[in-house]
């Protein structure tokens, strides 16, 4: 398989700048793999495709406000700092991206508050834009994290050209988000409203949760033509015993098992054994799923519409069949479905 096999024309106006007015009223394209048919629905209609004891698996990661703005010492130049990963809790050392990067060298200091209560010192260069920062803050760890949240901004993807708005703090977060650690939302889950969750519950549908802390690697372009040479960035996963048991029971009973989003699918495919059983797991994954791939757990999935040549498009092509997916995407462009993080959704049966 080649990267160019997953190219298509995506008009810029189909990239969603805002979410739909109500979470569960985004559009939903339903793909049936058996009949190779396509239906056009609203997201809240998803409940009609599942029965009692079927299972939805959600990614309960929580997005933290990862984008900060500081000023460089002496020059006062405005620098964007994107928090990627906490490396050391004790010393408050973080991996970050900085922009513009050419101005930021080892030894530079960045000031985030006028009273200089939060300062960071650059202690290493990691990539062209990557830096390691040590934060200097006179207070407890809890106070430090609170300060980061106060100053941080919702990390909307760069393709969204508008300024961050107050509603983004709520809408770029799933309603079931629990464990903080993501710098990008697991966007298929953004369509679930409290009302829809209640309707699924009343119908007797079961829920399981896994955690995959989404990193910025989810937006990285593939820079090789041969897919076998692409390396995914690692992301942290947590699956506990209780949820592993719920998932294994549904698989054993031949229920519909729905992975809500590509991040959920990566998590469960990382921890499934050859006998199709999920094990409790805490660690990291850099699993890259592309055609052909034998899926071990989920037999249905919900996902948003992805951009050309993306690893996310490749995963769903592996799940639904490449020709069927590329045909569905042609249809989506023709029918003006909205793409990407705040876009519409697809249910693959």
Protein backbone atom coordinates (compact mmCIF):
# COMPACT_ATOMS: atom_id res chain seq x y z
CA UNK A 1 0.00 0.00 0.00
CA UNK A 2 1.18 3.49 -0.87
CA UNK A 3 0.44 6.85 0.71
CA UNK A 4 -0.77 8.21 -2.64
CA UNK A 5 -3.49 5.48 -2.72
CA UNK A 6 -5.28 7.49 -0.03
CA UNK A 7 -5.35 10.86 -1.76
CA UNK A 8 -8.56 12.68 -2.71
CA UNK A 9 -9.62 16.26 -3.39
CA UNK A 10 -10.96 17.93 -0.25
CA UNK A 11 -12.34 21.46 -0.74
CA UNK A 12 -11.13 23.76 2.04
CA UNK A 13 -14.67 24.89 2.88
CA UNK A 14 -15.49 21.35 4.06
CA UNK A 15 -13.00 21.59 6.96
CA UNK A 16 -15.25 22.30 9.96
CA UNK A 17 -14.35 25.54 11.76
CA UNK A 18 -17.12 25.14 14.38
CA UNK A 19 -18.94 22.14 15.88
CA UNK A 20 -22.61 21.49 15.03
CA UNK A 21 -25.04 23.44 17.21
CA UNK A 22 -26.02 20.32 19.17
CA UNK A 23 -23.54 17.47 19.68
CA UNK A 24 -25.82 14.67 18.50
CA UNK A 25 -27.22 16.56 15.50
CA UNK A 26 -24.11 16.38 13.36
CA UNK A 27 -24.66 14.40 10.17
CA UNK A 28 -23.98 10.66 10.16
CA UNK A 29 -23.02 8.59 7.14
CA UNK A 30 -23.78 4.89 7.74
CA UNK A 31 -21.71 2.33 5.82
CA UNK A 32 -22.82 -1.30 5.69
CA UNK A 33 -19.85 -3.48 4.77
CA UNK A 34 -21.98 -6.55 3.98
CA UNK A 35 -24.35 -4.84 1.54
CA UNK A 36 -21.84 -2.14 0.46
CA UNK A 37 -24.58 0.47 0.92
CA UNK A 38 -24.51 4.02 2.26
CA UNK A 39 -27.23 5.83 4.25
CA UNK A 40 -27.41 9.48 5.32
CA UNK A 41 -28.68 10.11 8.87
CA UNK A 42 -28.19 12.35 11.91
CA UNK A 43 -25.82 11.25 14.65
CA UNK A 44 -28.61 10.72 17.17
CA UNK A 45 -29.96 7.96 14.86
CA UNK A 46 -26.95 5.81 15.85
CA UNK A 47 -29.11 4.28 18.60
CA UNK A 48 -31.26 2.54 15.93
CA UNK A 49 -28.34 0.35 14.78
CA UNK A 50 -27.65 -1.32 18.14
CA UNK A 51 -29.50 -3.71 20.45
CA UNK A 52 -29.52 -4.64 24.12
CA UNK A 53 -26.14 -5.93 25.37
CA UNK A 54 -24.25 -4.51 22.39
CA UNK A 55 -21.15 -2.61 23.54
CA UNK A 56 -19.73 0.87 22.93
CA UNK A 57 -16.05 1.38 23.85
CA UNK A 58 -15.12 5.00 24.60
CA UNK A 59 -11.76 6.73 25.04
CA UNK A 60 -12.10 8.65 28.32
CA UNK A 61 -8.97 10.80 27.91
CA UNK A 62 -9.36 14.47 28.83
CA UNK A 63 -7.81 17.31 26.84
CA UNK A 64 -5.81 19.79 28.87
CA UNK A 65 -5.35 23.44 27.76
CA UNK A 66 -1.96 22.79 26.21
CA UNK A 67 -1.33 26.02 24.28
CA UNK A 68 0.41 28.81 26.23
CA UNK A 69 1.81 32.17 25.17
CA UNK A 70 4.94 33.58 26.76
CA UNK A 71 7.41 36.38 26.16
CA UNK A 72 11.10 35.90 25.57
CA UNK A 73 13.43 37.57 28.05
CA UNK A 74 15.09 40.82 26.89
CA UNK A 75 13.32 41.06 23.48
CA UNK A 76 9.76 40.44 24.78
CA UNK A 77 8.98 38.50 21.55
CA UNK A 78 5.69 36.57 21.79
CA UNK A 79 6.30 32.79 21.72
CA UNK A 80 3.69 30.05 21.48
CA UNK A 81 4.48 27.07 23.71
CA UNK A 82 2.56 23.85 23.12
CA UNK A 83 2.83 21.44 26.06
CA UNK A 84 3.34 17.89 24.79
CA UNK A 85 4.41 15.73 27.70
CA UNK A 86 5.38 16.08 31.33
CA UNK A 87 8.79 14.41 31.73
CA UNK A 88 9.42 14.96 35.44
CA UNK A 89 6.83 15.97 38.02
CA UNK A 90 9.41 16.84 40.69
CA UNK A 91 11.50 19.20 38.57
CA UNK A 92 8.56 20.37 36.37
CA UNK A 93 10.30 19.47 33.13
CA UNK A 94 8.19 19.23 29.96
CA UNK A 95 8.60 18.39 26.28
CA UNK A 96 7.06 21.23 24.25
CA UNK A 97 6.83 22.68 20.76
CA UNK A 98 7.71 26.36 20.33
CA UNK A 99 6.75 28.77 17.58
CA UNK A 100 8.66 30.62 16.17
CA UNK A 101 11.37 28.09 17.02
CA UNK A 102 14.37 29.84 15.45
CA UNK A 103 14.31 32.44 18.23
CA UNK A 104 14.42 29.91 21.09
CA UNK A 105 17.78 28.51 22.19
CA UNK A 106 19.10 26.58 25.20
CA UNK A 107 19.42 28.93 28.16
CA UNK A 108 16.65 31.31 27.03
CA UNK A 109 13.93 32.18 29.53
CA UNK A 110 10.23 32.64 28.77
CA UNK A 111 7.91 34.67 30.99
CA UNK A 112 4.22 33.72 31.13
CA UNK A 113 2.93 36.24 33.69
CA UNK A 114 3.59 39.93 34.25
CA UNK A 115 4.58 39.35 37.85
CA UNK A 116 7.08 36.69 36.67
CA UNK A 117 5.46 34.06 38.92
CA UNK A 118 5.69 31.49 36.08
CA UNK A 119 8.91 31.33 34.10
CA UNK A 120 10.40 28.56 31.95
CA UNK A 121 14.02 27.93 31.04
CA UNK A 122 14.98 26.11 27.82
CA UNK A 123 17.24 23.19 28.78
CA UNK A 124 17.37 21.16 25.55
CA UNK A 125 16.58 21.09 21.82
CA UNK A 126 14.73 17.92 20.78
CA UNK A 127 13.61 18.54 17.17
CA UNK A 128 13.47 21.56 14.86
CA UNK A 129 10.47 22.90 16.82
CA UNK A 130 10.79 20.76 19.92
CA UNK A 131 12.33 22.00 23.16
CA UNK A 132 12.58 20.77 26.73
CA UNK A 133 11.57 23.36 29.31
CA UNK A 134 12.02 23.50 33.07
CA UNK A 135 9.23 25.55 34.66
CA UNK A 136 10.15 27.77 37.60
CA UNK A 137 7.21 28.35 39.93
CA UNK A 138 7.15 29.11 43.64
CA UNK A 139 4.29 26.90 44.83
CA UNK A 140 3.07 23.32 45.21
CA UNK A 141 2.69 20.94 42.26
CA UNK A 142 -1.11 21.32 42.45
CA UNK A 143 -0.79 25.13 42.34
CA UNK A 144 1.59 24.83 39.39
CA UNK A 145 -0.89 22.67 37.42
CA UNK A 146 -3.71 25.08 38.28
CA UNK A 147 -1.61 27.97 36.96
CA UNK A 148 -0.93 26.11 33.69
CA UNK A 149 -4.69 25.54 33.27
CA UNK A 150 -5.47 29.21 33.99
CA UNK A 151 -2.99 30.41 31.39
CA UNK A 152 -3.50 27.64 28.84
CA UNK A 153 -5.81 27.74 25.85
CA UNK A 154 -7.91 24.94 24.31
CA UNK A 155 -5.52 23.31 21.80
CA UNK A 156 -7.66 23.48 18.66
CA UNK A 157 -5.93 21.99 15.60
CA UNK A 158 -3.98 24.49 13.47
CA UNK A 159 -6.30 24.08 10.47
CA UNK A 160 -8.96 26.02 12.44
CA UNK A 161 -7.94 29.56 11.56
CA UNK A 162 -10.26 31.43 13.93
CA UNK A 163 -9.44 32.45 17.50
CA UNK A 164 -10.37 30.08 20.31
CA UNK A 165 -13.85 30.91 21.63
CA UNK A 166 -15.25 30.30 25.16
CA UNK A 167 -17.47 27.41 23.94
CA UNK A 168 -14.40 25.51 22.70
CA UNK A 169 -13.39 24.67 26.29
CA UNK A 170 -16.55 22.54 26.54
CA UNK A 171 -17.09 21.45 22.92
CA UNK A 172 -13.51 20.25 22.29
CA UNK A 173 -13.99 17.75 25.11
CA UNK A 174 -16.14 14.61 25.26
CA UNK A 175 -18.86 14.59 27.93
CA UNK A 176 -17.30 11.45 29.46
CA UNK A 177 -13.70 12.78 29.58
CA UNK A 178 -12.09 11.75 32.89
CA UNK A 179 -8.33 11.23 32.79
CA UNK A 180 -6.33 14.29 31.80
CA UNK A 181 -3.45 13.81 29.39
CA UNK A 182 -4.49 14.46 25.76
CA UNK A 183 -3.38 17.42 23.65
CA UNK A 184 -6.04 16.68 21.01
CA UNK A 185 -9.61 15.45 21.45
CA UNK A 186 -10.76 11.92 20.53
CA UNK A 187 -13.13 13.59 18.10
CA UNK A 188 -15.58 10.78 17.24
CA UNK A 189 -16.72 10.98 20.86
CA UNK A 190 -17.58 14.68 20.62
CA UNK A 191 -20.95 13.74 19.06
CA UNK A 192 -22.28 11.98 22.17
CA UNK A 193 -24.66 14.15 24.22
CA UNK A 194 -25.97 13.32 27.69
CA UNK A 195 -29.42 12.77 26.18
CA UNK A 196 -28.06 10.30 23.62
CA UNK A 197 -26.07 8.43 26.28
CA UNK A 198 -29.27 8.09 28.33
CA UNK A 199 -31.17 6.73 25.28
CA UNK A 200 -28.42 4.13 24.70
CA UNK A 201 -28.54 3.19 28.39
CA UNK A 202 -32.34 2.79 28.34
CA UNK A 203 -32.00 0.50 25.33
CA UNK A 204 -29.73 -1.74 27.44
CA UNK A 205 -26.51 -1.01 25.59
CA UNK A 206 -23.32 -1.58 27.59
CA UNK A 207 -20.37 0.80 27.87
CA UNK A 208 -16.64 0.23 28.41
CA UNK A 209 -13.86 2.78 28.71
CA UNK A 210 -10.21 2.74 27.75
CA UNK A 211 -7.70 5.59 27.89
CA UNK A 212 -5.42 6.68 25.08
CA UNK A 213 -3.85 10.10 25.58
CA UNK A 214 -3.98 11.59 22.09
CA UNK A 215 -0.73 13.29 21.05
CA UNK A 216 0.01 15.75 18.27
CA UNK A 217 1.34 12.85 16.20
CA UNK A 218 -2.29 12.25 15.21
CA UNK A 219 -1.94 15.27 12.88
CA UNK A 220 1.52 14.39 11.50
CA UNK A 221 1.65 14.01 7.71
CA UNK A 222 3.14 10.82 6.28
CA UNK A 223 6.35 11.72 4.50
CA UNK A 224 7.11 8.35 2.90
CA UNK A 225 5.34 6.65 -0.02
CA UNK A 226 5.86 3.12 1.33
CA UNK A 227 3.53 2.79 4.35
CA UNK A 228 5.65 0.07 5.94
CA UNK A 229 8.37 2.70 6.51
CA UNK A 230 6.14 5.19 8.41
CA UNK A 231 6.70 5.45 12.17
CA UNK A 232 3.87 6.56 14.43
CA UNK A 233 4.56 8.68 17.51
CA UNK A 234 3.98 6.83 20.79
CA UNK A 235 0.86 7.54 22.84
CA UNK A 236 0.05 6.36 26.36
CA UNK A 237 -2.66 3.73 26.94
CA UNK A 238 -4.43 2.52 30.07
CA UNK A 239 -6.93 -0.39 30.05
CA UNK A 240 -7.96 -1.76 33.45
CA UNK A 241 -9.12 -5.30 34.36
CA UNK A 242 -12.77 -4.33 34.78
CA UNK A 243 -13.09 -2.82 31.30
CA UNK A 244 -11.05 -5.62 29.71
CA UNK A 245 -13.58 -8.09 31.17
CA UNK A 246 -16.59 -6.13 29.84
CA UNK A 247 -15.04 -6.07 26.35
CA UNK A 248 -14.07 -9.77 26.41
CA UNK A 249 -17.57 -10.78 27.49
CA UNK A 250 -19.20 -8.88 24.60
CA UNK A 251 -16.77 -10.44 22.09
CA UNK A 252 -17.40 -13.92 23.54
CA UNK A 253 -21.18 -13.44 23.25
CA UNK A 254 -20.86 -12.27 19.60
CA UNK A 255 -22.37 -8.87 20.36
CA UNK A 256 -21.87 -5.78 18.28
CA UNK A 257 -18.74 -4.15 19.69
CA UNK A 258 -18.35 -0.54 18.58
CA UNK A 259 -15.02 1.28 18.86
CA UNK A 260 -15.82 4.98 19.22
CA UNK A 261 -12.99 6.59 17.28
CA UNK A 262 -9.62 5.67 15.83
CA UNK A 263 -7.89 6.25 19.20
CA UNK A 264 -10.12 3.67 20.90
CA UNK A 265 -9.41 1.27 18.04
CA UNK A 266 -5.64 1.75 18.42
CA UNK A 267 -5.87 1.12 22.16
CA UNK A 268 -7.80 -2.13 21.88
CA UNK A 269 -5.81 -3.41 18.90
CA UNK A 270 -2.61 -2.81 20.87
CA UNK A 271 -3.76 -4.91 23.83
CA UNK A 272 -5.60 -7.76 22.05
CA UNK A 273 -3.96 -11.19 21.95
CA UNK A 274 -3.99 -13.70 19.10
CA UNK A 275 -6.97 -15.48 20.72
CA UNK A 276 -8.99 -12.21 20.44
CA UNK A 277 -8.85 -11.42 24.16
CA UNK A 278 -8.13 -8.00 25.65
CA UNK A 279 -5.66 -7.88 28.52
CA UNK A 280 -5.34 -5.11 31.09
CA UNK A 281 -2.54 -2.86 29.85
CA UNK A 282 -0.66 0.25 30.86
CA UNK A 283 2.08 1.46 28.56
CA UNK A 284 2.72 3.06 25.20
CA UNK A 285 1.66 2.29 21.64
CA UNK A 286 3.04 3.34 18.28
CA UNK A 287 0.82 0.88 16.40
CA UNK A 288 0.10 1.91 12.81
CA UNK A 289 -2.99 0.24 11.36
CA UNK A 290 -3.34 0.19 7.57
CA UNK A 291 -4.68 -2.32 5.00
CA UNK A 292 -4.63 -5.26 5.26
CA UNK A 293 -5.27 -5.69 8.99
CA UNK A 294 -7.17 -8.36 10.91
CA UNK A 295 -9.18 -6.59 13.63
CA UNK A 296 -9.49 -8.59 16.83
CA UNK A 297 -12.18 -6.90 18.92
CA UNK A 298 -14.49 -4.30 17.36
CA UNK A 299 -16.89 -5.28 14.58
CA UNK A 300 -18.35 -1.77 14.17
CA UNK A 301 -16.80 1.66 14.56
CA UNK A 302 -17.67 5.36 14.71
CA UNK A 303 -15.23 7.86 13.27
CA UNK A 304 -15.09 11.39 11.88
CA UNK A 305 -14.14 12.23 8.29
CA UNK A 306 -10.38 12.46 7.91
CA UNK A 307 -8.02 14.38 5.66
CA UNK A 308 -6.29 12.95 2.56
CA UNK A 309 -3.28 10.65 3.07
CA UNK A 310 -3.75 10.61 6.87
CA UNK A 311 -3.01 7.62 9.12
CA UNK A 312 -6.62 7.87 10.36
CA UNK A 313 -8.04 7.41 6.85
CA UNK A 314 -5.74 4.41 6.40
CA UNK A 315 -7.05 2.78 9.57
CA UNK A 316 -10.69 3.06 8.54
CA UNK A 317 -9.79 1.82 5.04
CA UNK A 318 -8.34 -1.26 6.75
CA UNK A 319 -11.60 -1.68 8.68
CA UNK A 320 -14.16 -1.01 5.93
CA UNK A 321 -12.18 -1.88 2.79
CA UNK A 322 -10.17 0.67 0.84
CA UNK A 323 -12.38 0.86 -2.28
CA UNK A 324 -15.57 1.19 -0.23
CA UNK A 325 -14.08 3.94 1.95
CA UNK A 326 -12.71 5.93 -0.99
CA UNK A 327 -16.14 5.68 -2.65
CA UNK A 328 -17.81 6.85 0.59
CA UNK A 329 -15.42 9.80 0.80
CA UNK A 330 -16.28 10.83 -2.78
CA UNK A 331 -19.92 10.75 -1.70
CA UNK A 332 -19.12 12.76 1.45
CA UNK A 333 -17.44 15.52 -0.59
CA UNK A 334 -20.36 15.56 -3.04
CA UNK A 335 -22.91 15.74 -0.19
CA UNK A 336 -20.83 18.42 1.58
CA UNK A 337 -20.21 16.54 4.82
CA UNK A 338 -17.93 18.45 7.21
CA UNK A 339 -14.47 16.99 7.78
CA UNK A 340 -11.96 16.70 10.60
CA UNK A 341 -12.09 17.45 14.33
CA UNK A 342 -15.36 19.41 14.50
CA UNK A 343 -16.83 17.65 11.46
CA UNK A 344 -19.55 15.06 10.85
CA UNK A 345 -19.40 11.34 11.64
CA UNK A 346 -19.42 7.95 10.01
CA UNK A 347 -20.76 4.66 11.41
CA UNK A 348 -19.22 1.54 9.84
CA UNK A 349 -21.26 -1.64 10.35
